[in-house]
Amino acid sequence: MPMPMPAAPAPAPRDVFARQLQTIASRSWATLADLYADDAVVELPFNLPSPLRIEGRAQLEARGRAARDVPLELRPDNLVIHETTDPEVIVAEFDYLGRLTTSGRTFRVANVIIARIRDGKIIASRDDHNHALHGEVLGELAEQLATTPSAAT
């Protein structure tokens, strides 16, 4: 009788995080939530106008659907991943190089994410981004969309 093949090991936390950044950079919003556990919690304590807590894959999928039409490109740059004494936890420091596709405006935004990744899925993360800059860019985007003829229809 043949011996069963052992299951492949889950990807390392740093590999899962790298896949997350690649998914965001490629704007593959429909598959982003697949990187998270069903009961994942994502906290954005510096979100403006108030902190944000996203609970569960369903909420992550809804955010992905909403992001699908946002004319914004994000590309990670200067990535440094710090492994911790807890093998499930990483700390990632990086910048996003962003571009509004409607105007061509570019920007750089600093980020720090603390993530807990178990069995190849993100189970929790605390995303510390420069939300003041995000707000400025998204505010500019809202103004552009409000003044385009298609926004009025």
Foldseek 3Di string as FASTA:
>chain_A
DDDDDDDDAADFLVVLVVVLLVCQQVLVLQCNLVQADQFAWEWACPAPPGIDIQTGSVSSSVVSVVCSPQQKHWHWDPWDWAQDPPRQKIKIWTWIFMARPVPRDTDIKIKIKIFGHDRRHTRYMYIYIPNVVVVVVVVVVVVVLVPDPVSVD
